[in-house]
PDB file of N, CA and C in Angstrom:
ATOM      1  N   MET A   1     145.892 -44.919 -32.286  1.00  0.00           N
ATOM      2  CA  MET A   1     145.186 -45.051 -30.961  1.00  0.00           C
ATOM      3  C   MET A   1     143.906 -44.793 -31.271  1.00  0.00           C
ATOM      4  N   PRO A   2     143.354 -43.384 -31.305  1.00  0.00           N
ATOM      5  CA  PRO A   2     142.117 -42.674 -31.461  1.00  0.00           C
ATOM      6  C   PRO A   2     141.439 -43.425 -32.898  1.00  0.00           C
ATOM      7  N   SER A   3     141.683 -44.075 -33.653  1.00  0.00           N
ATOM      8  CA  SER A   3     140.651 -44.858 -34.391  1.00  0.00           C
ATOM      9  C   SER A   3     140.463 -46.291 -33.195  1.00  0.00           C
ATOM     10  N   GLU A   4     141.254 -46.843 -31.995  1.00  0.00           N
ATOM     11  CA  GLU A   4     140.568 -48.064 -31.380  1.00  0.00           C
ATOM     12  C   GLU A   4     139.740 -47.554 -30.424  1.00  0.00           C
ATOM     13  N   HIS A   5     139.794 -45.756 -30.130  1.00  0.00           N
ATOM     14  CA  HIS A   5     139.316 -45.754 -29.075  1.00  0.00           C
ATOM     15  C   HIS A   5     137.785 -45.195 -29.522  1.00  0.00           C
ATOM     16  N   ALA A   6     137.445 -44.893 -30.681  1.00  0.00           N
ATOM     17  CA  ALA A   6     136.542 -44.681 -31.440  1.00  0.00           C
ATOM     18  C   ALA A   6     135.228 -46.137 -31.888  1.00  0.00           C
ATOM     19  N   HIS A   7     136.785 -46.714 -32.103  1.00  0.00           N
ATOM     20  CA  HIS A   7     135.575 -48.095 -32.446  1.00  0.00           C
ATOM     21  C   HIS A   7     135.120 -49.082 -31.686  1.00  0.00           C
ATOM     22  N   ASP A   8     136.065 -48.631 -29.840  1.00  0.00           N
ATOM     23  CA  ASP A   8     135.332 -49.366 -28.359  1.00  0.00           C
ATOM     24  C   ASP A   8     134.287 -48.426 -28.488  1.00  0.00           C
ATOM     25  N   GLN A   9     134.231 -47.178 -28.561  1.00  0.00           N
ATOM     26  CA  GLN A   9     132.532 -46.594 -28.158  1.00  0.00           C
ATOM     27  C   GLN A   9     131.847 -46.905 -28.946  1.00  0.00           C
ATOM     28  N   LYS A  10     132.196 -47.075 -30.455  1.00  0.00           N
ATOM     29  CA  LYS A  10     131.018 -47.603 -31.434  1.00  0.00           C
ATOM     30  C   LYS A  10     130.618 -49.277 -31.041  1.00  0.00           C
ATOM     31  N   SER A  11     131.581 -50.070 -30.415  1.00  0.00           N
ATOM     32  CA  SER A  11     131.339 -51.585 -30.074  1.00  0.00           C
ATOM     33  C   SER A  11     130.435 -51.059 -28.704  1.00  0.00           C
ATOM     34  N   ASP A  12     131.070 -50.713 -27.769  1.00  0.00           N
ATOM     35  CA  ASP A  12     129.988 -49.534 -26.488  1.00  0.00           C
ATOM     36  C   ASP A  12     128.390 -49.514 -27.047  1.00  0.00           C
ATOM     37  N   ILE A  13     128.830 -48.403 -27.744  1.00  0.00           N
ATOM     38  CA  ILE A  13     127.270 -48.166 -27.712  1.00  0.00           C
ATOM     39  C   ILE A  13     126.048 -49.493 -28.587  1.00  0.00           C
ATOM     40  N   SER A  14     126.972 -50.054 -29.632  1.00  0.00           N
ATOM     41  CA  SER A  14     125.872 -50.567 -30.326  1.00  0.00           C
ATOM     42  C   SER A  14     125.757 -52.267 -29.218  1.00  0.00           C
ATOM     43  N   ARG A  15     126.636 -52.571 -28.449  1.00  0.00           N
ATOM     44  CA  ARG A  15     126.406 -53.652 -27.401  1.00  0.00           C
ATOM     45  C   ARG A  15     125.288 -52.790 -25.953  1.00  0.00           C
ATOM     46  N   ALA A  16     125.213 -51.718 -26.145  1.00  0.00           N
ATOM     47  CA  ALA A  16     124.600 -51.655 -24.792  1.00  0.00           C
ATOM     48  C   ALA A  16     123.103 -51.054 -26.056  1.00  0.00           C
ATOM     49  N   ARG A  17     122.720 -50.976 -27.008  1.00  0.00           N
ATOM     50  CA  ARG A  17     121.644 -51.136 -28.059  1.00  0.00           C
ATOM     51  C   ARG A  17     121.093 -52.514 -27.997  1.00  0.00           C
ATOM     52  N   ARG A  18     122.112 -53.185 -28.301  1.00  0.00           N
ATOM     53  CA  ARG A  18     121.501 -54.678 -28.404  1.00  0.00           C
ATOM     54  C   ARG A  18     120.837 -54.809 -26.740  1.00  0.00           C
ATOM     55  N   ASP A  19     121.974 -54.746 -25.764  1.00  0.00           N
ATOM     56  CA  ASP A  19     121.030 -55.403 -24.441  1.00  0.00           C
ATOM     57  C   ASP A  19     119.948 -54.561 -24.041  1.00  0.00           C
ATOM     58  N   ARG A  20     119.532 -53.407 -24.258  1.00  0.00           N
ATOM     59  CA  ARG A  20     118.602 -52.735 -23.907  1.00  0.00           C
ATOM     60  C   ARG A  20     117.299 -53.588 -24.955  1.00  0.00           C
ATOM     61  N   TYR A  21     117.822 -53.496 -26.261  1.00  0.00           N
ATOM     62  CA  TYR A  21     116.527 -54.396 -27.087  1.00  0.00           C
ATOM     63  C   TYR A  21     116.537 -55.270 -26.118  1.00  0.00           C
ATOM     64  N   ASN A  22     117.087 -56.443 -26.222  1.00  0.00           N
ATOM     65  CA  ASN A  22     116.708 -57.527 -25.407  1.00  0.00           C
ATOM     66  C   ASN A  22     116.070 -57.697 -24.246  1.00  0.00           C
ATOM     67  N   THR A  23     116.442 -56.720 -23.304  1.00  0.00           N
ATOM     68  CA  THR A  23     115.597 -56.161 -21.656  1.00  0.00           C
ATOM     69  C   THR A  23     114.243 -55.770 -22.275  1.00  0.00           C
ATOM     70  N   MET A  24     114.429 -55.069 -22.929  1.00  0.00           N
ATOM     71  CA  MET A  24     112.530 -55.299 -23.542  1.00  0.00           C
ATOM     72  C   MET A  24     111.791 -55.945 -24.563  1.00  0.00           C
ATOM     73  N   ARG A  25     112.967 -56.894 -25.513  1.00  0.00           N
ATOM     74  CA  ARG A  25     111.833 -57.934 -25.634  1.00  0.00           C
ATOM     75  C   ARG A  25     111.987 -58.929 -24.480  1.00  0.00           C
ATOM     76  N   ASN A  26     112.121 -59.431 -23.970  1.00  0.00           N
ATOM     77  CA  ASN A  26     112.135 -60.339 -22.615  1.00  0.00           C
ATOM     78  C   ASN A  26     111.949 -59.803 -21.728  1.00  0.00           C
ATOM     79  N   ASN A  27     111.716 -58.590 -21.378  1.00  0.00           N
ATOM     80  CA  ASN A  27     110.601 -57.793 -20.017  1.00  0.00           C
ATOM     81  C   ASN A  27     109.818 -56.988 -20.761  1.00  0.00           C
ATOM     82  N   LYS A  28     109.171 -57.622 -21.108  1.00  0.00           N
ATOM     83  CA  LYS A  28     107.776 -57.207 -21.750  1.00  0.00           C
ATOM     84  C   LYS A  28     106.785 -56.340 -20.346  1.00  0.00           C
ATOM     85  N   PRO A  29     106.347 -55.496 -20.981  1.00  0.00           N
ATOM     86  CA  PRO A  29     105.178 -54.738 -19.971  1.00  0.00           C
ATOM     87  C   PRO A  29     103.862 -55.562 -19.892  1.00  0.00           C
ATOM     88  N   PRO A  30     103.292 -55.888 -18.892  1.00  0.00           N
ATOM     89  CA  PRO A  30     102.267 -56.565 -18.508  1.00  0.00           C
ATOM     90  C   PRO A  30     100.794 -56.439 -19.522  1.00  0.00           C
ATOM     91  N   ARG A  31     100.354 -57.047 -20.140  1.00  0.00           N
ATOM     92  CA  ARG A  31      98.913 -56.834 -20.800  1.00  0.00           C
ATOM     93  C   ARG A  31      98.365 -56.032 -20.057  1.00  0.00           C
ATOM     94  N   LEU A  32      97.259 -55.274 -21.054  1.00  0.00           N
ATOM     95  CA  LEU A  32      96.156 -55.005 -20.197  1.00  0.00           C
ATOM     96  C   LEU A  32      95.230 -56.114 -20.262  1.00  0.00           C
ATOM     97  N   ALA A  33      94.362 -56.600 -19.232  1.00  0.00           N
ATOM     98  CA  ALA A  33      93.539 -58.140 -19.173  1.00  0.00           C
ATOM     99  C   ALA A  33      92.817 -57.616 -20.567  1.00  0.00           C
ATOM    100  N   SER A  34      92.340 -58.946 -20.809  1.00  0.00           N
ATOM    101  CA  SER A  34      91.561 -59.215 -21.793  1.00  0.00           C
ATOM    102  C   SER A  34      90.188 -59.535 -21.664  1.00  0.00           C
ATOM    103  N   ARG A  35      89.299 -59.897 -22.740  1.00  0.00           N
ATOM    104  CA  ARG A  35      88.236 -60.334 -22.082  1.00  0.00           C
ATOM    105  C   ARG A  35      88.116 -61.546 -22.271  1.00  0.00           C
ATOM    106  N   THR A  36      89.394 -62.667 -22.096  1.00  0.00           N
ATOM    107  CA  THR A  36      88.958 -63.852 -21.784  1.00  0.00           C
ATOM    108  C   THR A  36      89.650 -64.444 -20.409  1.00  0.00           C
ATOM    109  N   THR A  37      89.988 -63.683 -19.699  1.00  0.00           N
ATOM    110  CA  THR A  37      90.010 -63.461 -18.247  1.00  0.00           C
ATOM    111  C   THR A  37      88.517 -63.262 -17.905  1.00  0.00           C
ATOM    112  N   LYS A  38      87.991 -62.936 -17.889  1.00  0.00           N
ATOM    113  CA  LYS A  38      86.486 -62.973 -17.260  1.00  0.00           C
ATOM    114  C   LYS A  38      86.078 -64.823 -17.399  1.00  0.00           C
ATOM    115  N   PRO A  39      85.023 -64.776 -15.918  1.00  0.00           N
ATOM    116  CA  PRO A  39      84.648 -66.000 -15.944  1.00  0.00           C
ATOM    117  C   PRO A  39      84.102 -66.502 -17.305  1.00  0.00           C
ATOM    118  N   ALA A  40      83.747 -67.464 -17.400  1.00  0.00           N
ATOM    119  CA  ALA A  40      82.834 -68.217 -18.459  1.00  0.00           C
ATOM    120  C   ALA A  40      81.834 -67.828 -18.742  1.00  0.00           C
ATOM    121  N   GLU A  41      81.076 -68.187 -17.254  1.00  0.00           N
ATOM    122  CA  GLU A  41      79.658 -67.606 -17.718  1.00  0.00           C
ATOM    123  C   GLU A  41      79.222 -66.391 -17.807  1.00  0.00           C
ATOM    124  N   GLU A  42      80.315 -65.243 -17.460  1.00  0.00           N
ATOM    125  CA  GLU A  42      79.901 -64.081 -17.868  1.00  0.00           C
ATOM    126  C   GLU A  42      80.317 -63.750 -19.087  1.00  0.00           C
ATOM    127  N   ALA A  43      80.687 -64.440 -19.536  1.00  0.00           N
ATOM    128  CA  ALA A  43      81.480 -64.353 -21.282  1.00  0.00           C
ATOM    129  C   ALA A  43      79.802 -64.833 -22.178  1.00  0.00           C
ATOM    130  N   ALA A  44      79.988 -65.648 -21.334  1.00  0.00           N
ATOM    131  CA  ALA A  44      78.649 -66.856 -21.920  1.00  0.00           C
ATOM    132  C   ALA A  44      77.340 -65.623 -22.306  1.00  0.00           C
ATOM    133  N   HIS A  45      76.899 -65.038 -20.628  1.00  0.00           N
ATOM    134  CA  HIS A  45      76.122 -64.006 -20.756  1.00  0.00           C
ATOM    135  C   HIS A  45      76.178 -62.640 -21.495  1.00  0.00           C
ATOM    136  N   GLU A  46      77.183 -62.474 -21.253  1.00  0.00           N
ATOM    137  CA  GLU A  46      77.700 -61.280 -22.700  1.00  0.00           C
ATOM    138  C   GLU A  46      77.353 -61.543 -24.133  1.00  0.00           C
ATOM    139  N   GLN A  47      77.533 -62.706 -24.470  1.00  0.00           N
ATOM    140  CA  GLN A  47      77.588 -62.870 -25.838  1.00  0.00           C
ATOM    141  C   GLN A  47      76.261 -63.881 -26.250  1.00  0.00           C
ATOM    142  N   LYS A  48      75.163 -63.894 -24.951  1.00  0.00           N
ATOM    143  CA  LYS A  48      73.917 -64.202 -25.082  1.00  0.00           C
ATOM    144  C   LYS A  48      73.396 -62.995 -25.672  1.00  0.00           C
ATOM    145  N   LYS A  49      73.786 -61.641 -25.293  1.00  0.00           N
ATOM    146  CA  LYS A  49      72.775 -60.523 -25.131  1.00  0.00           C
ATOM    147  C   LYS A  49      73.349 -60.406 -26.601  1.00  0.00           C
ATOM    148  N   ARG A  50      74.904 -60.078 -26.609  1.00  0.00           N
ATOM    149  CA  ARG A  50      75.178 -59.522 -28.389  1.00  0.00           C
ATOM    150  C   ARG A  50      74.105 -60.278 -29.432  1.00  0.00           C
ATOM    151  N   SER A  51      74.192 -61.533 -29.072  1.00  0.00           N
ATOM    152  CA  SER A  51      73.262 -62.725 -30.511  1.00  0.00           C
ATOM    153  C   SER A  51      71.749 -62.074 -30.427  1.00  0.00           C
ATOM    154  N   ILE A  52      71.676 -61.718 -29.162  1.00  0.00           N
ATOM    155  CA  ILE A  52      70.121 -61.339 -29.561  1.00  0.00           C
ATOM    156  C   ILE A  52      70.121 -60.124 -30.031  1.00  0.00           C
ATOM    157  N   LEU A  53      70.576 -59.367 -29.973  1.00  0.00           N
ATOM    158  CA  LEU A  53      70.410 -57.718 -30.352  1.00  0.00           C
ATOM    159  C   LEU A  53      70.896 -58.101 -31.406  1.00  0.00           C
ATOM    160  N   LEU A  54      72.088 -58.864 -32.372  1.00  0.00           N
ATOM    161  CA  LEU A  54      72.672 -58.902 -33.350  1.00  0.00           C
ATOM    162  C   LEU A  54      71.384 -59.762 -33.888  1.00  0.00           C
ATOM    163  N   GLY A  55      70.607 -60.797 -33.411  1.00  0.00           N
ATOM    164  CA  GLY A  55      69.561 -61.432 -34.640  1.00  0.00           C
ATOM    165  C   GLY A  55      68.404 -60.438 -34.625  1.00  0.00           C
ATOM    166  N   GLY A  56      68.082 -59.808 -33.665  1.00  0.00           N
ATOM    167  CA  GLY A  56      66.811 -58.313 -33.472  1.00  0.00           C
ATOM    168  C   GLY A  56      66.844 -57.946 -34.949  1.00  0.00           C
ATOM    169  N   LEU A  57      68.443 -57.001 -34.937  1.00  0.00           N
ATOM    170  CA  LEU A  57      68.436 -56.032 -35.746  1.00  0.00           C
ATOM    171  C   LEU A  57      68.802 -57.022 -37.657  1.00  0.00           C
ATOM    172  N   LEU A  58      69.055 -57.727 -37.001  1.00  0.00           N
ATOM    173  CA  LEU A  58      68.943 -58.576 -38.364  1.00  0.00           C
ATOM    174  C   LEU A  58      67.396 -58.983 -39.594  1.00  0.00           C
ATOM    175  N   ARG A  59      67.309 -59.390 -38.081  1.00  0.00           N
ATOM    176  CA  ARG A  59      66.149 -59.357 -38.379  1.00  0.00           C
ATOM    177  C   ARG A  59      65.010 -58.345 -39.346  1.00  0.00           C
ATOM    178  N   ILE A  60      64.941 -57.295 -38.567  1.00  0.00           N
ATOM    179  CA  ILE A  60      64.671 -56.153 -39.152  1.00  0.00           C
ATOM    180  C   ILE A  60      64.827 -55.546 -40.606  1.00  0.00           C
ATOM    181  N   VAL A  61      66.527 -55.295 -40.834  1.00  0.00           N
ATOM    182  CA  VAL A  61      66.834 -55.273 -41.545  1.00  0.00           C
ATOM    183  C   VAL A  61      66.778 -56.236 -43.106  1.00  0.00           C
ATOM    184  N   LYS A  62      66.638 -57.365 -42.586  1.00  0.00           N
ATOM    185  CA  LYS A  62      66.320 -58.042 -43.803  1.00  0.00           C
ATOM    186  C   LYS A  62      65.455 -58.162 -44.518  1.00  0.00           C
ATOM    187  N   ASN A  63      63.955 -57.529 -43.430  1.00  0.00           N
ATOM    188  CA  ASN A  63      62.624 -58.166 -44.210  1.00  0.00           C
ATOM    189  C   ASN A  63      62.132 -56.822 -45.382  1.00  0.00           C
ATOM    190  N   PRO A  64      61.525 -57.723 -45.713  1.00  0.00           N
ATOM    191  CA  PRO A  64      61.288 -56.490 -47.023  1.00  0.00           C
ATOM    192  C   PRO A  64      60.970 -55.455 -46.902  1.00  0.00           C
ATOM    193  N   ASP A  65      59.474 -55.534 -46.168  1.00  0.00           N
ATOM    194  CA  ASP A  65      59.216 -54.328 -46.041  1.00  0.00           C
ATOM    195  C   ASP A  65      60.436 -52.559 -45.415  1.00  0.00           C
ATOM    196  N   VAL A  66      61.280 -53.701 -45.326  1.00  0.00           N
ATOM    197  CA  VAL A  66      62.219 -52.430 -44.838  1.00  0.00           C
ATOM    198  C   VAL A  66      63.110 -51.784 -46.084  1.00  0.00           C
ATOM    199  N   GLU A  67      63.230 -52.539 -46.735  1.00  0.00           N
ATOM    200  CA  GLU A  67      63.746 -52.563 -48.466  1.00  0.00           C
ATOM    201  C   GLU A  67      62.962 -51.612 -49.192  1.00  0.00           C
ATOM    202  N   LEU A  68      61.422 -52.014 -49.048  1.00  0.00           N
ATOM    203  CA  LEU A  68      60.555 -51.080 -50.016  1.00  0.00           C
ATOM    204  C   LEU A  68      60.600 -49.894 -49.223  1.00  0.00           C
ATOM    205  N   LEU A  69      60.593 -49.786 -47.802  1.00  0.00           N
ATOM    206  CA  LEU A  69      60.554 -48.149 -46.999  1.00  0.00           C
ATOM    207  C   LEU A  69      62.383 -47.154 -47.779  1.00  0.00           C
ATOM    208  N   ILE A  70      62.968 -48.016 -47.647  1.00  0.00           N
ATOM    209  CA  ILE A  70      63.885 -46.952 -48.167  1.00  0.00           C
ATOM    210  C   ILE A  70      63.819 -46.898 -49.902  1.00  0.00           C
ATOM    211  N   ASN A  71      63.613 -48.221 -50.379  1.00  0.00           N
ATOM    212  CA  ASN A  71      63.327 -47.389 -51.983  1.00  0.00           C
ATOM    213  C   ASN A  71      61.908 -46.211 -52.112  1.00  0.00           C
ATOM    214  N   LEU A  72      60.890 -46.009 -51.354  1.00  0.00           N
ATOM    215  CA  LEU A  72      60.020 -44.877 -51.273  1.00  0.00           C
ATOM    216  C   LEU A  72      61.088 -43.833 -50.893  1.00  0.00           C
ATOM    217  N   VAL A  73      61.749 -44.223 -49.875  1.00  0.00           N
ATOM    218  CA  VAL A  73      62.355 -42.603 -49.435  1.00  0.00           C
ATOM    219  C   VAL A  73      63.474 -42.265 -50.771  1.00  0.00           C
ATOM    220  N   ILE A  74      63.879 -43.092 -51.603  1.00  0.00           N
ATOM    221  CA  ILE A  74      65.047 -42.698 -52.571  1.00  0.00           C
ATOM    222  C   ILE A  74      63.832 -41.741 -53.545  1.00  0.00           C
ATOM    223  N   LEU A  75      62.795 -42.654 -53.768  1.00  0.00           N
ATOM    224  CA  LEU A  75      61.840 -41.888 -55.020  1.00  0.00           C
ATOM    225  C   LEU A  75      61.585 -40.881 -54.597  1.00  0.00           C
ATOM    226  N   GLY A  76      61.078 -40.597 -53.114  1.00  0.00           N
ATOM    227  CA  GLY A  76      61.030 -39.044 -52.318  1.00  0.00           C
ATOM    228  C   GLY A  76      61.867 -38.448 -52.914  1.00  0.00           C
ATOM    229  N   ASN A  77      62.998 -38.905 -52.485  1.00  0.00           N
ATOM    230  CA  ASN A  77      63.737 -37.638 -52.761  1.00  0.00           C
ATOM    231  C   ASN A  77      64.424 -37.144 -54.429  1.00  0.00           C
ATOM    232  N   LEU A  78      64.130 -38.085 -55.052  1.00  0.00           N
ATOM    233  CA  LEU A  78      64.059 -37.861 -56.567  1.00  0.00           C
ATOM    234  C   LEU A  78      63.179 -36.848 -56.618  1.00  0.00           C
ATOM    235  N   VAL A  79      61.319 -37.293 -56.649  1.00  0.00           N
ATOM    236  CA  VAL A  79      60.868 -36.117 -57.105  1.00  0.00           C
ATOM    237  C   VAL A  79      61.055 -35.375 -56.555  1.00  0.00           C
ATOM    238  N   THR A  80      61.528 -35.105 -55.071  1.00  0.00           N
ATOM    239  CA  THR A  80      61.753 -33.825 -54.715  1.00  0.00           C
ATOM    240  C   THR A  80      63.388 -33.149 -55.395  1.00  0.00           C
ATOM    241  N   LEU A  81      64.101 -33.456 -55.674  1.00  0.00           N
ATOM    242  CA  LEU A  81      65.063 -32.760 -56.913  1.00  0.00           C
ATOM    243  C   LEU A  81      64.852 -32.291 -58.426  1.00  0.00           C
ATOM    244  N   ALA A  82      63.777 -33.447 -58.709  1.00  0.00           N
ATOM    245  CA  ALA A  82      63.486 -32.843 -60.123  1.00  0.00           C
ATOM    246  C   ALA A  82      62.298 -31.927 -60.215  1.00  0.00           C
ATOM    247  N   MET A  83      61.716 -32.107 -59.077  1.00  0.00           N
ATOM    248  CA  MET A  83      60.635 -30.749 -58.486  1.00  0.00           C
ATOM    249  C   MET A  83      61.274 -29.194 -58.505  1.00  0.00           C
ATOM    250  N   GLN A  84      62.654 -29.062 -57.921  1.00  0.00           N
ATOM    251  CA  GLN A  84      62.846 -27.931 -57.957  1.00  0.00           C
ATOM    252  C   GLN A  84      63.915 -27.176 -58.945  1.00  0.00           C
ATOM    253  N   ASP A  85      63.753 -25.974 -58.977  1.00  0.00           N
ATOM    254  CA  ASP A  85      63.569 -25.270 -60.294  1.00  0.00           C
ATOM    255  C   ASP A  85      64.984 -24.393 -59.591  1.00  0.00           C
ATOM    256  N   PRO A  86      66.199 -24.473 -60.326  1.00  0.00           N
ATOM    257  CA  PRO A  86      67.150 -23.425 -59.987  1.00  0.00           C
ATOM    258  C   PRO A  86      66.809 -21.862 -59.975  1.00  0.00           C
ATOM    259  N   LEU A  87      66.347 -21.664 -61.496  1.00  0.00           N
ATOM    260  CA  LEU A  87      66.604 -20.570 -62.031  1.00  0.00           C
ATOM    261  C   LEU A  87      65.403 -19.734 -60.973  1.00  0.00           C
ATOM    262  N   GLU A  88      64.580 -20.105 -60.324  1.00  0.00           N
ATOM    263  CA  GLU A  88      63.556 -19.629 -59.716  1.00  0.00           C
ATOM    264  C   GLU A  88      64.078 -19.227 -58.205  1.00  0.00           C
ATOM    265  N   ASP A  89      62.968 -18.119 -58.045  1.00  0.00           N
ATOM    266  CA  ASP A  89      63.549 -18.084 -56.253  1.00  0.00           C
ATOM    267  C   ASP A  89      63.189 -19.012 -55.712  1.00  0.00           C
ATOM    268  N   GLU A  90      63.200 -19.226 -54.253  1.00  0.00           N
ATOM    269  CA  GLU A  90      62.691 -20.452 -53.175  1.00  0.00           C
ATOM    270  C   GLU A  90      61.430 -20.134 -53.056  1.00  0.00           C
ATOM    271  N   ARG A  91      60.413 -18.988 -53.596  1.00  0.00           N
ATOM    272  CA  ARG A  91      59.432 -18.626 -52.949  1.00  0.00           C
ATOM    273  C   ARG A  91      58.331 -18.850 -53.693  1.00  0.00           C
ATOM    274  N   GLN A  92      58.631 -19.248 -54.985  1.00  0.00           N
ATOM    275  CA  GLN A  92      57.662 -19.168 -56.654  1.00  0.00           C
ATOM    276  C   GLN A  92      58.076 -20.248 -56.806  1.00  0.00           C
ATOM    277  N   GLY A  93      56.567 -19.997 -57.102  1.00  0.00           N
ATOM    278  CA  GLY A  93      56.315 -21.738 -58.360  1.00  0.00           C
ATOM    279  C   GLY A  93      56.433 -23.026 -57.489  1.00  0.00           C
ATOM    280  N   ARG A  94      56.834 -24.027 -58.434  1.00  0.00           N
ATOM    281  CA  ARG A  94      57.127 -25.185 -57.620  1.00  0.00           C
ATOM    282  C   ARG A  94      57.774 -25.249 -56.260  1.00  0.00           C
ATOM    283  N   ASN A  95      59.002 -24.145 -56.153  1.00  0.00           N
ATOM    284  CA  ASN A  95      60.157 -24.079 -55.346  1.00  0.00           C
ATOM    285  C   ASN A  95      59.214 -23.515 -54.040  1.00  0.00           C
ATOM    286  N   ALA A  96      57.890 -22.928 -54.547  1.00  0.00           N
ATOM    287  CA  ALA A  96      57.286 -23.095 -53.229  1.00  0.00           C
ATOM    288  C   ALA A  96      56.681 -23.644 -52.198  1.00  0.00           C
ATOM    289  N   VAL A  97      56.470 -24.817 -52.846  1.00  0.00           N
ATOM    290  CA  VAL A  97      55.951 -26.141 -52.762  1.00  0.00           C
ATOM    291  C   VAL A  97      57.000 -26.796 -51.794  1.00  0.00           C
ATOM    292  N   LEU A  98      58.511 -26.689 -52.162  1.00  0.00           N
ATOM    293  CA  LEU A  98      59.416 -27.595 -51.887  1.00  0.00           C
ATOM    294  C   LEU A  98      59.791 -26.612 -50.288  1.00  0.00           C
ATOM    295  N   TRP A  99      59.443 -25.472 -50.339  1.00  0.00           N
ATOM    296  CA  TRP A  99      59.987 -24.610 -49.374  1.00  0.00           C
ATOM    297  C   TRP A  99      59.147 -24.992 -48.188  1.00  0.00           C
ATOM    298  N   TRP A 100      57.615 -24.981 -48.794  1.00  0.00           N
ATOM    299  CA  TRP A 100      56.636 -25.290 -47.389  1.00  0.00           C
ATOM    300  C   TRP A 100      56.935 -26.552 -46.614  1.00  0.00           C
ATOM    301  N   ILE A 101      57.395 -27.479 -47.766  1.00  0.00           N
ATOM    302  CA  ILE A 101      57.441 -28.991 -46.960  1.00  0.00           C
ATOM    303  C   ILE A 101      58.847 -29.034 -46.301  1.00  0.00           C
ATOM    304  N   SER A 102      59.826 -28.298 -46.587  1.00  0.00           N
ATOM    305  CA  SER A 102      61.114 -28.530 -45.402  1.00  0.00           C
ATOM    306  C   SER A 102      60.652 -27.542 -44.878  1.00  0.00           C
ATOM    307  N   GLU A 103      59.643 -26.921 -44.572  1.00  0.00           N
ATOM    308  CA  GLU A 103      59.409 -25.756 -43.094  1.00  0.00           C
ATOM    309  C   GLU A 103      58.592 -26.481 -42.047  1.00  0.00           C
TER     310      GLU A 103
END
């Protein structure tokens, strides 16, 4: 008899878990309002603002002058790294010039 009682308890527990799972699956909590619930005019206005901003940023980034500027910054960084002498004091020789620039 004890084995039947244990079996009944296990089946009750599994039945309770199954019922709880089905309840959670069928009674989903309400979703937060998505962006699609906005009125169409408001959504269109936001999309237009976003596209204007992104278009402006793309125009700036794709400009060849920006690429030139980035390359000049990289070149300047390479020059300053090549000028630095790790064996000298930071305020002597070439390192003094770099220290003066950084201050």
